[in-house]
Amino acid sequence: MTQRILQPGEIEGLDRTAIPHLRLPQRGTVFADRAARLRHLAKGHAIAGYLQLMAKVVEIQHETLAIFATFSASTPCFHAVEHAEAHSMPVVNALGGARDPAWREVLRRIVDRIDAAGGATPALRKLLDTLRAMNDAQLDNLADAVLALRPGEVDPATAPFVMAALQVVWTDIACRLDVRDVPYLETPGICPVCGSMPVASIVRIGGAYQGYRFLQCGLCSTEWHMVRVKCSHCDSTKGIAYHAIAEGDQSIRAESCDTCGVYRKIGYQEKDYDMEPLADDLASLALDLLMSEAGYRRASPNPLLWPQAADDA
């Protein structure tokens, strides 16, 4: 049988119901798999210490998600599903409406568990004490800046911990949804569940997902389908190129767009079955350096590694 690669326009013309448009996170595995991947990637890595620290944070996320319903002050806003479907908008927009105050308890749990694990450097212990000393209003202001991607208002050292707590809250919401409850969005570059930006994309293998590219949300870990060879930031199909470290890992590349001048990483599961978009993005900083030198900007930051200063990225 002769196979032919479909071009972007042809793919878009296919019956969209024939392509799985969504992969919702699984409560029992989403953070467990990410933590295991981070620990694997940390072996012999130049930033092994940081990857191991984030692996511990993600392990605590896994533990916390399992018991989240026992201390959450509210339940997911399922009444928003009908409104979202009617207006083709995210189900629970992270940038609008009320935020479950339980996220602060999640943050404090992460801080306490990291502290209790021992081995913290003086700098890390000072950071944990700073977060622990913040009142509710200060924490909420910090969360607003993190979710709105305003790096200039956020200490890069505290942001990953704040984001980790917020991830637990919104991943809990995503885990409770049914795929049929999540609408298609007119803007494909934002998460249909929470409205956040994707951290990276992955071309998956196996079953109904074989060969399809999915963007992974940096907040709730929902994955949604997007055709390949297309900019996930500006939706252009022109000037798309792929970059990799010559002697490095070929399972992850940077997909750049000359139309908008940004890039976002894309992983290929056929080259590494265990890859996890957020973890592999975090561990491939050499590729970020390559793209920066080539004049491209990241489309959005990795939630667990905040930029040092405010810029267009």
Foldseek 3Di string as FASTA:
>chain_A
DDDDDDDQVVVVPDDCVLAQFWDADALQPPLVLLLVLLQVLLVVAPPSVLSNLVSLLSVLLSVCLVCVVVPWPDADPLVQLVVCQVVVAASAAPQDDDDGLCLLVSLLSSLVVSVVVDPDDPVSVVLSVVSVPDDSVVLVVQLNCLQVVPQAVHAQVCQLSSLSSQLSRLLSNRNPDDSVSFHHHPLQQADSHHRAGFQAKEQAPDDSSHRWIWTAGLRNRMTGTDHPCADSQPRHNPQWDWADDPPDDPQKIWIAHPVVQAIHMYGYCVSPVSDDRLSVSVRPVVRVVVSVVVRGHYSHHRSNGRDNHDDPD
